[in-house]
């Protein structure tokens, strides 16, 4: 179990020692998780609230599961907290240097990042998410 991102899928009764159980409980209590329902799963499951999509020169690009409209992704570092549109990589919120913004724009537009972002966005939507799955606008 050590190092598993999917601790929420572990069956606590299958843990071998009290140390493993303590690690499991610590992971549950200290992480950004919530309980949600997803297609293909019976009942409710514990879900990690964010997923790391990519790291670019110290910038973390993440998608959070239970979000508000419009579909977007987050860019984070020690001095960056910014939100960009999944549609066109437009800065929605936050502050980011011109240099870092250029890195994100290059990654998004030239390295087919939108496809990866869409896949993560759609895979991590709970059934009760107000935004729902992302459908590319083909107009």
N, C-alpha and C. Protein backbone atom coordinates (compact mmCIF):
# COMPACT_ATOMS: atom_id res chain seq x y z
N UNK A 1 0.82 -1.19 0.00
CA UNK A 1 0.00 0.00 0.00
C UNK A 1 0.87 1.25 0.00
N UNK A 2 2.04 1.19 0.55
CA UNK A 2 2.88 2.39 0.65
C UNK A 2 3.05 3.03 -0.72
N UNK A 3 2.84 4.36 -0.79
CA UNK A 3 3.02 5.08 -2.04
C UNK A 3 1.83 5.00 -2.97
N UNK A 4 0.79 4.31 -2.60
CA UNK A 4 -0.37 4.16 -3.48
C UNK A 4 -1.18 5.45 -3.51
N UNK A 5 -1.50 5.93 -4.73
CA UNK A 5 -2.39 7.08 -4.86
C UNK A 5 -3.83 6.66 -4.62
N UNK A 6 -4.09 5.39 -4.71
CA UNK A 6 -5.47 4.90 -4.66
C UNK A 6 -5.78 4.28 -3.30
N UNK A 7 -5.29 4.91 -2.22
CA UNK A 7 -5.52 4.39 -0.88
C UNK A 7 -7.00 4.22 -0.60
N UNK A 8 -7.83 5.03 -1.24
CA UNK A 8 -9.27 4.98 -1.01
C UNK A 8 -9.90 3.72 -1.61
N UNK A 9 -9.15 3.01 -2.44
CA UNK A 9 -9.67 1.77 -3.02
C UNK A 9 -9.22 0.56 -2.20
N UNK A 10 -8.32 0.76 -1.23
CA UNK A 10 -7.85 -0.34 -0.39
C UNK A 10 -8.95 -0.75 0.58
N UNK A 11 -9.08 -2.03 0.76
CA UNK A 11 -10.01 -2.57 1.74
C UNK A 11 -9.30 -2.60 3.08
N UNK A 12 -9.75 -1.82 4.06
CA UNK A 12 -9.05 -1.79 5.35
C UNK A 12 -8.91 -3.17 5.98
N UNK A 13 -9.84 -4.08 5.72
CA UNK A 13 -9.74 -5.41 6.32
C UNK A 13 -8.60 -6.22 5.71
N UNK A 14 -8.07 -5.77 4.58
CA UNK A 14 -6.96 -6.50 3.94
C UNK A 14 -5.60 -6.01 4.40
N UNK A 15 -5.55 -4.98 5.23
CA UNK A 15 -4.27 -4.44 5.69
C UNK A 15 -3.66 -5.40 6.71
N UNK A 16 -2.35 -5.59 6.59
CA UNK A 16 -1.66 -6.64 7.36
C UNK A 16 -1.26 -6.25 8.78
N UNK A 17 -1.07 -4.97 9.02
CA UNK A 17 -0.56 -4.59 10.34
C UNK A 17 -1.25 -3.32 10.83
N UNK A 18 -1.07 -3.05 12.11
CA UNK A 18 -1.62 -1.83 12.68
C UNK A 18 -0.93 -0.61 12.06
N UNK A 19 0.35 -0.75 11.66
CA UNK A 19 1.06 0.35 11.01
C UNK A 19 0.43 0.67 9.65
N UNK A 20 0.07 -0.37 8.90
CA UNK A 20 -0.59 -0.16 7.61
C UNK A 20 -1.95 0.51 7.80
N UNK A 21 -2.69 0.06 8.81
CA UNK A 21 -3.99 0.66 9.10
C UNK A 21 -3.82 2.12 9.51
N UNK A 22 -2.81 2.42 10.34
CA UNK A 22 -2.56 3.80 10.75
C UNK A 22 -2.21 4.66 9.55
N UNK A 23 -1.38 4.13 8.64
CA UNK A 23 -1.04 4.88 7.43
C UNK A 23 -2.28 5.12 6.57
N UNK A 24 -3.11 4.11 6.46
CA UNK A 24 -4.35 4.22 5.70
C UNK A 24 -5.24 5.31 6.29
N UNK A 25 -5.45 5.30 7.58
CA UNK A 25 -6.29 6.30 8.23
C UNK A 25 -5.69 7.69 8.11
N UNK A 26 -4.38 7.81 8.27
CA UNK A 26 -3.72 9.11 8.12
C UNK A 26 -3.94 9.65 6.71
N UNK A 27 -3.80 8.79 5.70
CA UNK A 27 -4.02 9.20 4.31
C UNK A 27 -5.43 9.71 4.11
N UNK A 28 -6.40 9.01 4.67
CA UNK A 28 -7.79 9.42 4.53
C UNK A 28 -8.07 10.76 5.20
N UNK A 29 -7.53 10.94 6.38
CA UNK A 29 -7.83 12.14 7.16
C UNK A 29 -7.06 13.38 6.71
N UNK A 30 -5.90 13.20 6.10
CA UNK A 30 -5.07 14.35 5.76
C UNK A 30 -5.09 14.71 4.28
N UNK A 31 -5.89 14.02 3.51
CA UNK A 31 -5.89 14.29 2.08
C UNK A 31 -7.14 15.05 1.67
N UNK A 32 -7.10 15.58 0.48
CA UNK A 32 -8.27 16.25 -0.07
C UNK A 32 -9.17 15.23 -0.74
N UNK A 33 -10.04 14.63 0.02
CA UNK A 33 -10.94 13.62 -0.53
C UNK A 33 -12.39 14.00 -0.24
N UNK A 34 -13.28 13.36 -0.95
CA UNK A 34 -14.71 13.50 -0.68
C UNK A 34 -15.38 12.20 -1.09
N UNK A 35 -16.61 12.03 -0.69
CA UNK A 35 -17.37 10.84 -1.04
C UNK A 35 -18.24 11.18 -2.24
N UNK A 36 -18.18 10.36 -3.27
CA UNK A 36 -18.95 10.62 -4.49
C UNK A 36 -19.45 9.35 -5.14
N UNK A 37 -20.32 9.52 -6.10
CA UNK A 37 -20.83 8.41 -6.88
C UNK A 37 -20.37 8.57 -8.32
N UNK A 38 -19.93 7.47 -8.93
CA UNK A 38 -19.43 7.50 -10.29
C UNK A 38 -20.09 6.39 -11.09
N UNK A 39 -20.28 6.66 -12.37
CA UNK A 39 -20.80 5.61 -13.25
C UNK A 39 -19.81 4.47 -13.26
N UNK A 40 -20.32 3.25 -13.21
CA UNK A 40 -19.47 2.08 -13.22
C UNK A 40 -19.11 1.58 -11.83
N UNK A 41 -19.43 2.36 -10.78
CA UNK A 41 -19.18 1.93 -9.41
C UNK A 41 -20.52 1.81 -8.70
N UNK A 42 -20.66 0.76 -7.93
CA UNK A 42 -21.87 0.56 -7.16
C UNK A 42 -21.73 1.27 -5.82
N UNK A 43 -22.63 2.16 -5.51
CA UNK A 43 -22.58 2.87 -4.25
C UNK A 43 -21.63 4.05 -4.28
N UNK A 44 -21.30 4.54 -3.11
CA UNK A 44 -20.43 5.70 -2.98
C UNK A 44 -19.01 5.25 -2.69
N UNK A 45 -18.05 6.04 -3.19
CA UNK A 45 -16.65 5.73 -2.95
C UNK A 45 -15.93 7.00 -2.49
N UNK A 46 -14.81 6.80 -1.83
CA UNK A 46 -13.97 7.92 -1.42
C UNK A 46 -13.08 8.29 -2.59
N UNK A 47 -13.06 9.57 -2.93
CA UNK A 47 -12.37 10.03 -4.13
C UNK A 47 -11.35 11.10 -3.77
N UNK A 48 -10.19 11.03 -4.41
CA UNK A 48 -9.21 12.08 -4.25
C UNK A 48 -9.73 13.31 -4.97
N UNK A 49 -9.66 14.47 -4.35
CA UNK A 49 -10.29 15.67 -4.88
C UNK A 49 -9.51 16.35 -5.99
N UNK A 50 -8.27 15.95 -6.21
CA UNK A 50 -7.51 16.58 -7.29
C UNK A 50 -6.59 15.55 -7.93
N UNK A 51 -6.23 15.84 -9.16
CA UNK A 51 -5.31 14.95 -9.87
C UNK A 51 -4.24 15.78 -10.56
N UNK A 52 -3.01 15.38 -10.35
CA UNK A 52 -1.89 16.03 -11.02
C UNK A 52 -1.87 15.56 -12.47
N UNK A 53 -1.94 16.50 -13.40
CA UNK A 53 -1.93 16.20 -14.83
C UNK A 53 -0.51 16.25 -15.36
N UNK A 54 0.25 17.26 -14.94
CA UNK A 54 1.59 17.47 -15.50
C UNK A 54 2.39 18.38 -14.58
N UNK A 55 3.70 18.25 -14.63
CA UNK A 55 4.62 19.20 -14.00
C UNK A 55 5.46 19.81 -15.10
N UNK A 56 5.54 21.13 -15.08
CA UNK A 56 6.34 21.84 -16.07
C UNK A 56 7.22 22.84 -15.32
N UNK A 57 8.50 22.55 -15.25
CA UNK A 57 9.46 23.46 -14.62
C UNK A 57 8.97 24.02 -13.28
N UNK A 58 8.57 23.15 -12.38
CA UNK A 58 8.13 23.58 -11.06
C UNK A 58 6.67 23.99 -10.96
N UNK A 59 5.96 24.03 -12.09
CA UNK A 59 4.53 24.34 -12.09
C UNK A 59 3.74 23.03 -12.07
N UNK A 60 2.80 22.92 -11.16
CA UNK A 60 1.92 21.76 -11.12
C UNK A 60 0.63 22.11 -11.83
N UNK A 61 0.19 21.25 -12.72
CA UNK A 61 -1.07 21.43 -13.42
C UNK A 61 -2.02 20.37 -12.89
N UNK A 62 -3.11 20.83 -12.27
CA UNK A 62 -4.03 19.92 -11.60
C UNK A 62 -5.47 20.18 -12.04
N UNK A 63 -6.26 19.12 -11.92
CA UNK A 63 -7.71 19.22 -12.12
C UNK A 63 -8.36 18.70 -10.85
N UNK A 64 -9.33 19.45 -10.36
CA UNK A 64 -10.07 19.07 -9.17
C UNK A 64 -11.37 18.40 -9.59
N UNK A 65 -11.80 17.43 -8.79
CA UNK A 65 -12.94 16.61 -9.18
C UNK A 65 -14.29 17.32 -9.12
N UNK A 66 -14.62 17.90 -8.01
CA UNK A 66 -15.95 18.47 -7.84
C UNK A 66 -15.86 19.98 -8.01
N UNK A 67 -16.07 20.46 -9.22
CA UNK A 67 -15.77 21.83 -9.58
C UNK A 67 -16.99 22.64 -10.00
N UNK A 68 -16.75 23.89 -10.22
CA UNK A 68 -17.74 24.85 -10.68
C UNK A 68 -17.46 25.17 -12.14
N UNK A 69 -18.46 25.71 -12.87
CA UNK A 69 -18.21 26.08 -14.27
C UNK A 69 -17.35 27.33 -14.36
N UNK A 70 -16.71 27.55 -15.46
CA UNK A 70 -16.57 26.70 -16.64
C UNK A 70 -15.48 25.65 -16.40
N UNK A 71 -15.42 24.59 -17.22
CA UNK A 71 -14.34 23.61 -17.08
C UNK A 71 -12.98 24.30 -17.13
N UNK A 72 -12.09 23.94 -16.21
CA UNK A 72 -10.82 24.64 -16.08
C UNK A 72 -9.78 23.75 -15.42
N UNK A 73 -8.54 24.22 -15.43
CA UNK A 73 -7.46 23.54 -14.73
C UNK A 73 -6.69 24.57 -13.91
N UNK A 74 -5.99 24.07 -12.91
CA UNK A 74 -5.26 24.91 -11.98
C UNK A 74 -3.76 24.78 -12.22
N UNK A 75 -3.05 25.89 -12.11
CA UNK A 75 -1.60 25.91 -12.19
C UNK A 75 -1.09 26.44 -10.85
N UNK A 76 -0.22 25.65 -10.21
CA UNK A 76 0.24 25.97 -8.87
C UNK A 76 1.75 25.83 -8.74
N UNK A 77 2.33 26.69 -7.94
CA UNK A 77 3.72 26.57 -7.51
C UNK A 77 3.83 27.40 -6.24
N UNK A 78 5.04 27.59 -5.75
CA UNK A 78 5.19 28.36 -4.52
C UNK A 78 4.70 29.79 -4.68
N UNK A 79 4.79 30.35 -5.90
CA UNK A 79 4.36 31.73 -6.11
C UNK A 79 3.28 31.88 -7.19
N UNK A 80 2.67 30.78 -7.60
CA UNK A 80 1.63 30.83 -8.64
C UNK A 80 0.38 30.11 -8.15
N UNK A 81 -0.74 30.78 -8.31
CA UNK A 81 -2.05 30.18 -8.10
C UNK A 81 -2.93 30.75 -9.18
N UNK A 82 -3.11 29.99 -10.27
CA UNK A 82 -3.87 30.50 -11.41
C UNK A 82 -4.80 29.43 -11.94
N UNK A 83 -5.87 29.88 -12.57
CA UNK A 83 -6.86 28.99 -13.16
C UNK A 83 -7.02 29.36 -14.62
N UNK A 84 -7.00 28.34 -15.49
CA UNK A 84 -7.11 28.53 -16.93
C UNK A 84 -8.29 27.76 -17.48
N UNK A 85 -8.92 28.31 -18.50
CA UNK A 85 -10.04 27.67 -19.18
C UNK A 85 -9.58 26.43 -19.92
N UNK A 86 -10.35 25.36 -19.81
CA UNK A 86 -10.06 24.14 -20.56
C UNK A 86 -10.37 24.32 -22.04
N UNK A 87 -11.24 25.24 -22.35
CA UNK A 87 -11.64 25.49 -23.74
C UNK A 87 -10.50 26.07 -24.57
N UNK A 88 -9.85 27.13 -24.03
CA UNK A 88 -8.89 27.85 -24.86
C UNK A 88 -7.64 28.32 -24.11
N UNK A 89 -7.46 27.86 -22.88
CA UNK A 89 -6.29 28.20 -22.06
C UNK A 89 -6.27 29.68 -21.69
N UNK A 90 -7.41 30.31 -21.60
CA UNK A 90 -7.51 31.71 -21.18
C UNK A 90 -7.38 31.77 -19.66
N UNK A 91 -6.60 32.72 -19.15
CA UNK A 91 -6.47 32.90 -17.71
C UNK A 91 -7.81 33.36 -17.16
N UNK A 92 -8.37 32.61 -16.24
CA UNK A 92 -9.66 32.93 -15.63
C UNK A 92 -9.47 33.68 -14.32
N UNK A 93 -8.47 33.23 -13.54
CA UNK A 93 -8.34 33.74 -12.20
C UNK A 93 -6.88 33.58 -11.75
N UNK A 94 -6.43 34.46 -10.89
CA UNK A 94 -5.12 34.32 -10.29
C UNK A 94 -4.05 35.15 -10.98
N UNK A 95 -2.84 34.97 -10.49
CA UNK A 95 -1.71 35.72 -11.03
C UNK A 95 -0.61 34.74 -11.41
N UNK A 96 0.04 35.05 -12.54
CA UNK A 96 1.12 34.21 -13.04
C UNK A 96 2.02 35.11 -13.88
N UNK A 97 3.31 34.90 -13.78
CA UNK A 97 4.24 35.73 -14.55
C UNK A 97 4.06 35.49 -16.05
N UNK A 98 4.49 36.44 -16.86
CA UNK A 98 4.40 36.29 -18.31
C UNK A 98 5.17 35.07 -18.78
N UNK A 99 6.33 34.83 -18.18
CA UNK A 99 7.16 33.68 -18.55
C UNK A 99 6.43 32.36 -18.27
N UNK A 100 5.85 32.22 -17.08
CA UNK A 100 5.13 30.99 -16.74
C UNK A 100 3.85 30.85 -17.54
N UNK A 101 3.19 31.96 -17.79
CA UNK A 101 1.98 31.92 -18.62
C UNK A 101 2.33 31.44 -20.02
N UNK A 102 3.45 31.90 -20.56
CA UNK A 102 3.90 31.47 -21.88
C UNK A 102 4.19 29.96 -21.90
N UNK A 103 4.77 29.43 -20.81
CA UNK A 103 5.03 27.99 -20.72
C UNK A 103 3.73 27.19 -20.77
N UNK A 104 2.74 27.66 -20.01
CA UNK A 104 1.45 26.97 -19.97
C UNK A 104 0.76 27.04 -21.34
N UNK A 105 0.77 28.21 -21.95
CA UNK A 105 0.16 28.38 -23.27
C UNK A 105 0.85 27.48 -24.31
N UNK A 106 2.18 27.43 -24.28
CA UNK A 106 2.91 26.59 -25.23
C UNK A 106 2.53 25.12 -25.02
N UNK A 107 2.54 24.68 -23.77
CA UNK A 107 2.18 23.29 -23.45
C UNK A 107 0.77 22.99 -23.95
N UNK A 108 -0.15 23.88 -23.67
CA UNK A 108 -1.55 23.66 -24.03
C UNK A 108 -1.74 23.60 -25.54
N UNK A 109 -1.21 24.57 -26.26
CA UNK A 109 -1.49 24.69 -27.69
C UNK A 109 -0.58 23.86 -28.59
N UNK A 110 0.64 23.59 -28.16
CA UNK A 110 1.59 22.92 -29.05
C UNK A 110 1.88 21.47 -28.70
N UNK A 111 1.51 21.03 -27.53
CA UNK A 111 1.85 19.67 -27.12
C UNK A 111 0.61 18.82 -26.86
N UNK A 112 -0.50 19.17 -27.48
CA UNK A 112 -1.75 18.39 -27.41
C UNK A 112 -2.23 18.17 -25.98
N UNK A 113 -2.02 19.15 -25.13
CA UNK A 113 -2.39 19.02 -23.73
C UNK A 113 -3.90 19.02 -23.52
N UNK A 114 -4.63 19.68 -24.38
CA UNK A 114 -6.07 19.77 -24.19
C UNK A 114 -6.70 18.38 -24.14
N UNK A 115 -6.22 17.48 -24.97
CA UNK A 115 -6.75 16.11 -24.98
C UNK A 115 -6.53 15.45 -23.62
N UNK A 116 -5.33 15.57 -23.06
CA UNK A 116 -5.03 14.99 -21.74
C UNK A 116 -5.89 15.62 -20.66
N UNK A 117 -6.03 16.94 -20.71
CA UNK A 117 -6.85 17.64 -19.72
C UNK A 117 -8.31 17.20 -19.80
N UNK A 118 -8.83 17.06 -21.02
CA UNK A 118 -10.21 16.62 -21.21
C UNK A 118 -10.41 15.21 -20.65
N UNK A 119 -9.45 14.32 -20.89
CA UNK A 119 -9.56 12.95 -20.39
C UNK A 119 -9.60 12.92 -18.87
N UNK A 120 -8.72 13.69 -18.23
CA UNK A 120 -8.71 13.73 -16.76
C UNK A 120 -10.00 14.38 -16.26
N UNK A 121 -10.40 15.49 -16.86
CA UNK A 121 -11.63 16.17 -16.44
C UNK A 121 -12.81 15.20 -16.49
N UNK A 122 -12.98 14.52 -17.60
CA UNK A 122 -14.14 13.63 -17.77
C UNK A 122 -14.06 12.40 -16.86
N UNK A 123 -12.88 11.86 -16.65
CA UNK A 123 -12.73 10.68 -15.81
C UNK A 123 -12.97 11.01 -14.34
N UNK A 124 -12.72 12.22 -13.92
CA UNK A 124 -12.82 12.57 -12.50
C UNK A 124 -14.14 13.25 -12.12
N UNK A 125 -15.08 13.37 -13.02
CA UNK A 125 -16.37 14.00 -12.69
C UNK A 125 -17.24 13.07 -11.87
N UNK A 126 -17.63 13.46 -10.67
CA UNK A 126 -18.64 12.69 -9.94
C UNK A 126 -20.01 12.90 -10.60
N UNK A 127 -20.93 11.98 -10.36
CA UNK A 127 -22.24 12.07 -11.01
C UNK A 127 -23.00 13.32 -10.61
N UNK A 128 -22.72 13.88 -9.43
CA UNK A 128 -23.45 15.07 -8.99
C UNK A 128 -22.69 16.37 -9.24
N UNK A 129 -21.64 16.33 -10.06
CA UNK A 129 -20.86 17.54 -10.36
C UNK A 129 -21.71 18.50 -11.18
N UNK A 130 -21.77 19.77 -10.77
CA UNK A 130 -22.61 20.75 -11.45
C UNK A 130 -22.13 21.04 -12.87
N UNK A 131 -20.85 20.80 -13.15
CA UNK A 131 -20.32 21.09 -14.48
C UNK A 131 -20.53 19.92 -15.43
N UNK A 132 -20.30 18.73 -14.97
CA UNK A 132 -20.42 17.55 -15.82
C UNK A 132 -19.22 17.36 -16.71
N UNK A 133 -19.35 16.44 -17.63
CA UNK A 133 -18.25 16.10 -18.52
C UNK A 133 -18.04 17.20 -19.54
N UNK A 134 -16.80 17.29 -20.03
CA UNK A 134 -16.44 18.32 -20.99
C UNK A 134 -16.64 17.78 -22.40
N UNK A 135 -17.35 18.55 -23.19
CA UNK A 135 -17.55 18.21 -24.60
C UNK A 135 -16.97 19.34 -25.42
N UNK A 136 -16.08 18.99 -26.32
CA UNK A 136 -15.42 20.01 -27.14
C UNK A 136 -16.44 20.69 -28.05
N UNK A 137 -16.35 22.01 -28.09
CA UNK A 137 -17.22 22.80 -28.95
C UNK A 137 -16.66 22.75 -30.37
N UNK A 138 -17.38 22.13 -31.29
CA UNK A 138 -16.89 21.93 -32.67
C UNK A 138 -17.38 23.01 -33.63
N UNK A 139 -17.72 24.17 -33.15
CA UNK A 139 -18.24 25.20 -34.05
C UNK A 139 -17.17 25.94 -34.79
